[in-house]
Amino acid sequence: DSVKGRFTISRDNVKNTVYLQMNSLKPED
């Protein structure tokens, strides 16, 4: 819940990679 709307998880199966895009970061992150 605390990261909804700020973080986005995605995957690229060709690159064998998972990403975590983190926006509006807070000190508690």
PDB file of all heavy atoms in Angstrom:
ATOM      1  N   ASP A   1       0.799  -1.220   0.000  1.00  0.00           N
ATOM      2  CA  ASP A   1       0.000   0.000   0.000  1.00  0.00           C
ATOM      3  C   ASP A   1       0.837   1.279   0.000  1.00  0.00           C
ATOM      4  O   ASP A   1       0.512   2.255  -0.677  1.00  0.00           O
ATOM      5  CB  ASP A   1      -0.940   0.010   1.203  1.00  0.00           C
ATOM      6  CG  ASP A   1      -2.146  -0.896   1.006  1.00  0.00           C
ATOM      7  OD1 ASP A   1      -2.361  -1.347  -0.137  1.00  0.00           O
ATOM      8  OD2 ASP A   1      -2.867  -1.149   1.985  1.00  0.00           O
ATOM      9  N   SER A   2       1.921   1.285   0.748  1.00  0.00           N
ATOM     10  CA  SER A   2       2.680   2.535   0.921  1.00  0.00           C
ATOM     11  C   SER A   2       3.420   2.970  -0.341  1.00  0.00           C
ATOM     12  O   SER A   2       3.892   4.107  -0.417  1.00  0.00           O
ATOM     13  CB  SER A   2       3.682   2.401   2.070  1.00  0.00           C
ATOM     14  OG  SER A   2       4.740   1.528   1.720  1.00  0.00           O
ATOM     15  N   VAL A   3       3.502   2.094  -1.343  1.00  0.00           N
ATOM     16  CA  VAL A   3       4.210   2.464  -2.575  1.00  0.00           C
ATOM     17  C   VAL A   3       3.281   2.559  -3.780  1.00  0.00           C
ATOM     18  O   VAL A   3       3.726   2.933  -4.874  1.00  0.00           O
ATOM     19  CB  VAL A   3       5.370   1.486  -2.884  1.00  0.00           C
ATOM     20  CG1 VAL A   3       6.298   1.357  -1.693  1.00  0.00           C
ATOM     21  CG2 VAL A   3       4.855   0.126  -3.332  1.00  0.00           C
ATOM     22  N   LYS A   4       2.015   2.247  -3.589  1.00  0.00           N
ATOM     23  CA  LYS A   4       1.062   2.325  -4.708  1.00  0.00           C
ATOM     24  C   LYS A   4       1.007   3.741  -5.263  1.00  0.00           C
ATOM     25  O   LYS A   4       0.931   4.711  -4.508  1.00  0.00           O
ATOM     26  CB  LYS A   4      -0.331   1.898  -4.233  1.00  0.00           C
ATOM     27  CG  LYS A   4      -0.516   0.406  -4.099  1.00  0.00           C
ATOM     28  CD  LYS A   4      -1.935   0.064  -3.674  1.00  0.00           C
ATOM     29  CE  LYS A   4      -2.123  -1.420  -3.522  1.00  0.00           C
ATOM     30  NZ  LYS A   4      -3.477  -1.781  -3.045  1.00  0.00           N
ATOM     31  N   GLY A   5       1.030   3.835  -6.578  1.00  0.00           N
ATOM     32  CA  GLY A   5       0.994   5.136  -7.217  1.00  0.00           C
ATOM     33  C   GLY A   5       2.362   5.799  -7.347  1.00  0.00           C
ATOM     34  O   GLY A   5       2.503   6.794  -8.061  1.00  0.00           O
ATOM     35  N   ARG A   6       3.372   5.257  -6.660  1.00  0.00           N
ATOM     36  CA  ARG A   6       4.730   5.834  -6.736  1.00  0.00           C
ATOM     37  C   ARG A   6       5.714   4.868  -7.385  1.00  0.00           C
ATOM     38  O   ARG A   6       6.623   5.300  -8.087  1.00  0.00           O
ATOM     39  CB  ARG A   6       5.231   6.186  -5.335  1.00  0.00           C
ATOM     40  CG  ARG A   6       4.377   7.208  -4.616  1.00  0.00           C
ATOM     41  CD  ARG A   6       5.059   7.695  -3.328  1.00  0.00           C
ATOM     42  NE  ARG A   6       5.281   6.615  -2.374  1.00  0.00           N
ATOM     43  CZ  ARG A   6       6.474   6.305  -1.868  1.00  0.00           C
ATOM     44  NH1 ARG A   6       7.567   6.967  -2.256  1.00  0.00           N
ATOM     45  NH2 ARG A   6       6.583   5.317  -0.982  1.00  0.00           N
ATOM     46  N   PHE A   7       5.550   3.579  -7.135  1.00  0.00           N
ATOM     47  CA  PHE A   7       6.461   2.567  -7.666  1.00  0.00           C
ATOM     48  C   PHE A   7       5.759   1.769  -8.759  1.00  0.00           C
ATOM     49  O   PHE A   7       4.552   1.513  -8.677  1.00  0.00           O
ATOM     50  CB  PHE A   7       6.895   1.598  -6.570  1.00  0.00           C
ATOM     51  CG  PHE A   7       7.800   2.179  -5.520  1.00  0.00           C
ATOM     52  CD1 PHE A   7       8.042   3.541  -5.407  1.00  0.00           C
ATOM     53  CD2 PHE A   7       8.422   1.329  -4.596  1.00  0.00           C
ATOM     54  CE1 PHE A   7       8.874   4.063  -4.429  1.00  0.00           C
ATOM     55  CE2 PHE A   7       9.255   1.821  -3.612  1.00  0.00           C
ATOM     56  CZ  PHE A   7       9.477   3.194  -3.536  1.00  0.00           C
ATOM     57  N   THR A   8       6.540   1.347  -9.750  1.00  0.00           N
ATOM     58  CA  THR A   8       6.015   0.517 -10.823  1.00  0.00           C
ATOM     59  C   THR A   8       6.988  -0.630 -11.092  1.00  0.00           C
ATOM     60  O   THR A   8       8.169  -0.397 -11.344  1.00  0.00           O
ATOM     61  CB  THR A   8       5.829   1.326 -12.117  1.00  0.00           C
ATOM     62  OG1 THR A   8       4.957   2.428 -11.866  1.00  0.00           O
ATOM     63  CG2 THR A   8       5.238   0.449 -13.215  1.00  0.00           C
ATOM     64  N   ILE A   9       6.465  -1.840 -11.022  1.00  0.00           N
ATOM     65  CA  ILE A   9       7.261  -3.012 -11.347  1.00  0.00           C
ATOM     66  C   ILE A   9       6.966  -3.417 -12.791  1.00  0.00           C
ATOM     67  O   ILE A   9       5.826  -3.336 -13.250  1.00  0.00           O
ATOM     68  CB  ILE A   9       6.980  -4.177 -10.365  1.00  0.00           C
ATOM     69  CG1 ILE A   9       7.961  -5.327 -10.579  1.00  0.00           C
ATOM     70  CG2 ILE A   9       5.537  -4.650 -10.463  1.00  0.00           C
ATOM     71  CD1 ILE A   9       7.866  -6.407  -9.501  1.00  0.00           C
ATOM     72  N   SER A  10       8.006  -3.845 -13.497  1.00  0.00           N
ATOM     73  CA  SER A  10       7.832  -4.294 -14.874  1.00  0.00           C
ATOM     74  C   SER A  10       8.862  -5.376 -15.162  1.00  0.00           C
ATOM     75  O   SER A  10       9.789  -5.592 -14.376  1.00  0.00           O
ATOM     76  CB  SER A  10       7.977  -3.127 -15.850  1.00  0.00           C
ATOM     77  OG  SER A  10       9.277  -2.553 -15.756  1.00  0.00           O
ATOM     78  N   ARG A  11       8.703  -6.036 -16.291  1.00  0.00           N
ATOM     79  CA  ARG A  11       9.641  -7.089 -16.641  1.00  0.00           C
ATOM     80  C   ARG A  11       9.914  -7.069 -18.131  1.00  0.00           C
ATOM     81  O   ARG A  11       9.047  -6.703 -18.930  1.00  0.00           O
ATOM     82  CB  ARG A  11       9.116  -8.462 -16.213  1.00  0.00           C
ATOM     83  CG  ARG A  11       7.843  -8.923 -16.886  1.00  0.00           C
ATOM     84  CD  ARG A  11       7.251 -10.143 -16.177  1.00  0.00           C
ATOM     85  NE  ARG A  11       8.202 -11.246 -16.140  1.00  0.00           N
ATOM     86  CZ  ARG A  11       8.145 -12.230 -15.245  1.00  0.00           C
ATOM     87  NH1 ARG A  11       7.192 -12.251 -14.321  1.00  0.00           N
ATOM     88  NH2 ARG A  11       9.035 -13.209 -15.274  1.00  0.00           N
ATOM     89  N   ASP A  12      11.130  -7.464 -18.478  1.00  0.00           N
ATOM     90  CA  ASP A  12      11.532  -7.626 -19.869  1.00  0.00           C
ATOM     91  C   ASP A  12      12.083  -9.046 -19.981  1.00  0.00           C
ATOM     92  O   ASP A  12      13.243  -9.303 -19.612  1.00  0.00           O
ATOM     93  CB  ASP A  12      12.583  -6.580 -20.246  1.00  0.00           C
ATOM     94  CG  ASP A  12      12.961  -6.624 -21.715  1.00  0.00           C
ATOM     95  OD1 ASP A  12      12.829  -7.707 -22.325  1.00  0.00           O
ATOM     96  OD2 ASP A  12      13.396  -5.598 -22.240  1.00  0.00           O
ATOM     97  N   ASN A  13      11.271  -9.943 -20.481  1.00  0.00           N
ATOM     98  CA  ASN A  13      11.675 -11.346 -20.520  1.00  0.00           C
ATOM     99  C   ASN A  13      12.763 -11.610 -21.559  1.00  0.00           C
ATOM    100  O   ASN A  13      13.459 -12.630 -21.481  1.00  0.00           O
ATOM    101  CB  ASN A  13      10.460 -12.228 -20.800  1.00  0.00           C
ATOM    102  CG  ASN A  13       9.492 -12.256 -19.617  1.00  0.00           C
ATOM    103  OD1 ASN A  13       9.887 -12.060 -18.462  1.00  0.00           O
ATOM    104  ND2 ASN A  13       8.220 -12.481 -19.911  1.00  0.00           N
ATOM    105  N   VAL A  14      12.918 -10.730 -22.519  1.00  0.00           N
ATOM    106  CA  VAL A  14      14.002 -10.888 -23.495  1.00  0.00           C
ATOM    107  C   VAL A  14      15.347 -10.599 -22.822  1.00  0.00           C
ATOM    108  O   VAL A  14      16.345 -11.274 -23.073  1.00  0.00           O
ATOM    109  CB  VAL A  14      13.785  -9.958 -24.700  1.00  0.00           C
ATOM    110  CG1 VAL A  14      14.980 -10.004 -25.633  1.00  0.00           C
ATOM    111  CG2 VAL A  14      12.509 -10.350 -25.436  1.00  0.00           C
ATOM    112  N   LYS A  15      15.342  -9.600 -21.952  1.00  0.00           N
ATOM    113  CA  LYS A  15      16.566  -9.229 -21.243  1.00  0.00           C
ATOM    114  C   LYS A  15      16.730  -9.949 -19.909  1.00  0.00           C
ATOM    115  O   LYS A  15      17.690  -9.699 -19.182  1.00  0.00           O
ATOM    116  CB  LYS A  15      16.592  -7.717 -21.013  1.00  0.00           C
ATOM    117  CG  LYS A  15      16.659  -6.902 -22.299  1.00  0.00           C
ATOM    118  CD  LYS A  15      16.720  -5.414 -22.000  1.00  0.00           C
ATOM    119  CE  LYS A  15      16.844  -4.604 -23.286  1.00  0.00           C
ATOM    120  NZ  LYS A  15      16.903  -3.144 -23.017  1.00  0.00           N
ATOM    121  N   ASN A  16      15.780 -10.805 -19.573  1.00  0.00           N
ATOM    122  CA  ASN A  16      15.827 -11.537 -18.288  1.00  0.00           C
ATOM    123  C   ASN A  16      15.939 -10.568 -17.109  1.00  0.00           C
ATOM    124  O   ASN A  16      16.674 -10.830 -16.139  1.00  0.00           O
ATOM    125  CB  ASN A  16      17.003 -12.515 -18.246  1.00  0.00           C
ATOM    126  CG  ASN A  16      16.943 -13.550 -19.342  1.00  0.00           C
ATOM    127  OD1 ASN A  16      15.863 -13.950 -19.764  1.00  0.00           O
ATOM    128  ND2 ASN A  16      18.095 -13.983 -19.824  1.00  0.00           N
ATOM    129  N   THR A  17      15.188  -9.489 -17.171  1.00  0.00           N
ATOM    130  CA  THR A  17      15.331  -8.419 -16.186  1.00  0.00           C
ATOM    131  C   THR A  17      13.972  -7.964 -15.665  1.00  0.00           C
ATOM    132  O   THR A  17      13.017  -7.839 -16.433  1.00  0.00           O
ATOM    133  CB  THR A  17      16.082  -7.218 -16.778  1.00  0.00           C
ATOM    134  OG1 THR A  17      17.369  -7.643 -17.227  1.00  0.00           O
ATOM    135  CG2 THR A  17      16.264  -6.113 -15.747  1.00  0.00           C
ATOM    136  N   VAL A  18      13.925  -7.709 -14.376  1.00  0.00           N
ATOM    137  CA  VAL A  18      12.769  -7.098 -13.723  1.00  0.00           C
ATOM    138  C   VAL A  18      13.197  -5.726 -13.221  1.00  0.00           C
ATOM    139  O   VAL A  18      14.310  -5.565 -12.713  1.00  0.00           O
ATOM    140  CB  VAL A  18      12.281  -7.956 -12.547  1.00  0.00           C
ATOM    141  CG1 VAL A  18      11.125  -7.279 -11.827  1.00  0.00           C
ATOM    142  CG2 VAL A  18      11.855  -9.325 -13.032  1.00  0.00           C
ATOM    143  N   TYR A  19      12.302  -4.774 -13.350  1.00  0.00           N
ATOM    144  CA  TYR A  19      12.604  -3.397 -12.965  1.00  0.00           C
ATOM    145  C   TYR A  19      11.673  -2.942 -11.846  1.00  0.00           C
ATOM    146  O   TYR A  19      10.554  -3.429 -11.707  1.00  0.00           O
ATOM    147  CB  TYR A  19      12.428  -2.464 -14.160  1.00  0.00           C
ATOM    148  CG  TYR A  19      13.283  -2.810 -15.340  1.00  0.00           C
ATOM    149  CD1 TYR A  19      12.753  -3.522 -16.421  1.00  0.00           C
ATOM    150  CD2 TYR A  19      14.627  -2.443 -15.395  1.00  0.00           C
ATOM    151  CE1 TYR A  19      13.535  -3.852 -17.520  1.00  0.00           C
ATOM    152  CE2 TYR A  19      15.410  -2.766 -16.479  1.00  0.00           C
ATOM    153  CZ  TYR A  19      14.870  -3.468 -17.537  1.00  0.00           C
ATOM    154  OH  TYR A  19      15.641  -3.798 -18.617  1.00  0.00           O
ATOM    155  N   LEU A  20      12.161  -1.967 -11.095  1.00  0.00           N
ATOM    156  CA  LEU A  20      11.319  -1.275 -10.131  1.00  0.00           C
ATOM    157  C   LEU A  20      11.575   0.216 -10.314  1.00  0.00           C
ATOM    158  O   LEU A  20      12.631   0.723  -9.924  1.00  0.00           O
ATOM    159  CB  LEU A  20      11.624  -1.701  -8.701  1.00  0.00           C
ATOM    160  CG  LEU A  20      10.688  -1.116  -7.646  1.00  0.00           C
ATOM    161  CD1 LEU A  20       9.275  -1.688  -7.809  1.00  0.00           C
ATOM    162  CD2 LEU A  20      11.200  -1.373  -6.236  1.00  0.00           C
ATOM    163  N   GLN A  21      10.619   0.884 -10.944  1.00  0.00           N
ATOM    164  CA  GLN A  21      10.696   2.327 -11.109  1.00  0.00           C
ATOM    165  C   GLN A  21      10.117   2.981  -9.857  1.00  0.00           C
ATOM    166  O   GLN A  21       8.961   2.722  -9.507  1.00  0.00           O
ATOM    167  CB  GLN A  21       9.913   2.768 -12.345  1.00  0.00           C
ATOM    168  CG  GLN A  21       9.879   4.269 -12.560  1.00  0.00           C
ATOM    169  CD  GLN A  21      11.247   4.840 -12.892  1.00  0.00           C
ATOM    170  OE1 GLN A  21      11.991   4.272 -13.693  1.00  0.00           O
ATOM    171  NE2 GLN A  21      11.590   5.973 -12.289  1.00  0.00           N
ATOM    172  N   MET A  22      10.930   3.801  -9.215  1.00  0.00           N
ATOM    173  CA  MET A  22      10.517   4.432  -7.960  1.00  0.00           C
ATOM    174  C   MET A  22      10.499   5.936  -8.141  1.00  0.00           C
ATOM    175  O   MET A  22      11.544   6.549  -8.422  1.00  0.00           O
ATOM    176  CB  MET A  22      11.481   4.043  -6.838  1.00  0.00           C
ATOM    177  CG  MET A  22      11.646   2.533  -6.672  1.00  0.00           C
ATOM    178  SD  MET A  22      12.643   2.101  -5.245  1.00  0.00           S
ATOM    179  CE  MET A  22      14.224   2.796  -5.711  1.00  0.00           C
ATOM    180  N   ASN A  23       9.324   6.519  -7.999  1.00  0.00           N
ATOM    181  CA  ASN A  23       9.147   7.969  -8.130  1.00  0.00           C
ATOM    182  C   ASN A  23       8.687   8.562  -6.804  1.00  0.00           C
ATOM    183  O   ASN A  23       8.226   7.837  -5.914  1.00  0.00           O
ATOM    184  CB  ASN A  23       8.127   8.278  -9.214  1.00  0.00           C
ATOM    185  CG  ASN A  23       8.545   7.766 -10.584  1.00  0.00           C
ATOM    186  OD1 ASN A  23       9.729   7.724 -10.917  1.00  0.00           O
ATOM    187  ND2 ASN A  23       7.567   7.372 -11.384  1.00  0.00           N
ATOM    188  N   SER A  24       8.793   9.874  -6.702  1.00  0.00           N
ATOM    189  CA  SER A  24       8.349  10.590  -5.494  1.00  0.00           C
ATOM    190  C   SER A  24       8.910   9.939  -4.236  1.00  0.00           C
ATOM    191  O   SER A  24       8.187   9.690  -3.264  1.00  0.00           O
ATOM    192  CB  SER A  24       6.819  10.619  -5.430  1.00  0.00           C
ATOM    193  OG  SER A  24       6.278  11.221  -6.579  1.00  0.00           O
ATOM    194  N   LEU A  25      10.184   9.678  -4.262  1.00  0.00           N
ATOM    195  CA  LEU A  25      10.809   8.959  -3.153  1.00  0.00           C
ATOM    196  C   LEU A  25      10.788   9.779  -1.869  1.00  0.00           C
ATOM    197  O   LEU A  25      10.905  11.012  -1.893  1.00  0.00           O
ATOM    198  CB  LEU A  25      12.241   8.567  -3.509  1.00  0.00           C
ATOM    199  CG  LEU A  25      12.328   7.364  -4.455  1.00  0.00           C
ATOM    200  CD1 LEU A  25      13.690   7.292  -5.131  1.00  0.00           C
ATOM    201  CD2 LEU A  25      12.045   6.083  -3.689  1.00  0.00           C
ATOM    202  N   LYS A  26      10.633   9.055  -0.755  1.00  0.00           N
ATOM    203  CA  LYS A  26      10.562   9.654   0.568  1.00  0.00           C
ATOM    204  C   LYS A  26      11.702   9.114   1.437  1.00  0.00           C
ATOM    205  O   LYS A  26      12.197   8.011   1.182  1.00  0.00           O
ATOM    206  CB  LYS A  26       9.231   9.299   1.221  1.00  0.00           C
ATOM    207  CG  LYS A  26       7.999   9.661   0.408  1.00  0.00           C
ATOM    208  CD  LYS A  26       6.741   9.156   1.080  1.00  0.00           C
ATOM    209  CE  LYS A  26       5.503   9.472   0.255  1.00  0.00           C
ATOM    210  NZ  LYS A  26       4.256   8.977   0.901  1.00  0.00           N
ATOM    211  N   PRO A  27      12.097   9.841   2.464  1.00  0.00           N
ATOM    212  CA  PRO A  27      13.144   9.324   3.349  1.00  0.00           C
ATOM    213  C   PRO A  27      12.820   7.934   3.904  1.00  0.00           C
ATOM    214  O   PRO A  27      13.724   7.112   4.085  1.00  0.00           O
ATOM    215  CB  PRO A  27      13.210  10.376   4.453  1.00  0.00           C
ATOM    216  CG  PRO A  27      12.804  11.650   3.773  1.00  0.00           C
ATOM    217  CD  PRO A  27      11.731  11.227   2.802  1.00  0.00           C
ATOM    218  N   GLU A  28      11.549   7.661   4.145  1.00  0.00           N
ATOM    219  CA  GLU A  28      11.176   6.350   4.677  1.00  0.00           C
ATOM    220  C   GLU A  28      11.285   5.224   3.654  1.00  0.00           C
ATOM    221  O   GLU A  28      11.088   4.055   4.007  1.00  0.00           O
ATOM    222  CB  GLU A  28       9.757   6.384   5.262  1.00  0.00           C
ATOM    223  CG  GLU A  28       8.700   6.934   4.332  1.00  0.00           C
ATOM    224  CD  GLU A  28       8.415   8.415   4.565  1.00  0.00           C
ATOM    225  OE1 GLU A  28       9.390   9.186   4.782  1.00  0.00           O
ATOM    226  OE2 GLU A  28       7.225   8.785   4.526  1.00  0.00           O
ATOM    227  N   ASP A  29      11.603   5.543   2.411  1.00  0.00           N
ATOM    228  CA  ASP A  29      11.886   4.511   1.412  1.00  0.00           C
ATOM    229  C   ASP A  29      13.329   4.031   1.490  1.00  0.00           C
ATOM    230  O   ASP A  29      13.701   3.087   0.784  1.00  0.00           O
ATOM    231  CB  ASP A  29      11.619   5.040   0.000  1.00  0.00           C
ATOM    232  CG  ASP A  29      10.161   5.346  -0.251  1.00  0.00           C
ATOM    233  OD1 ASP A  29       9.292   4.557   0.178  1.00  0.00           O
ATOM    234  OD2 ASP A  29       9.865   6.392  -0.879  1.00  0.00           O
TER     235      ASP A  29
END
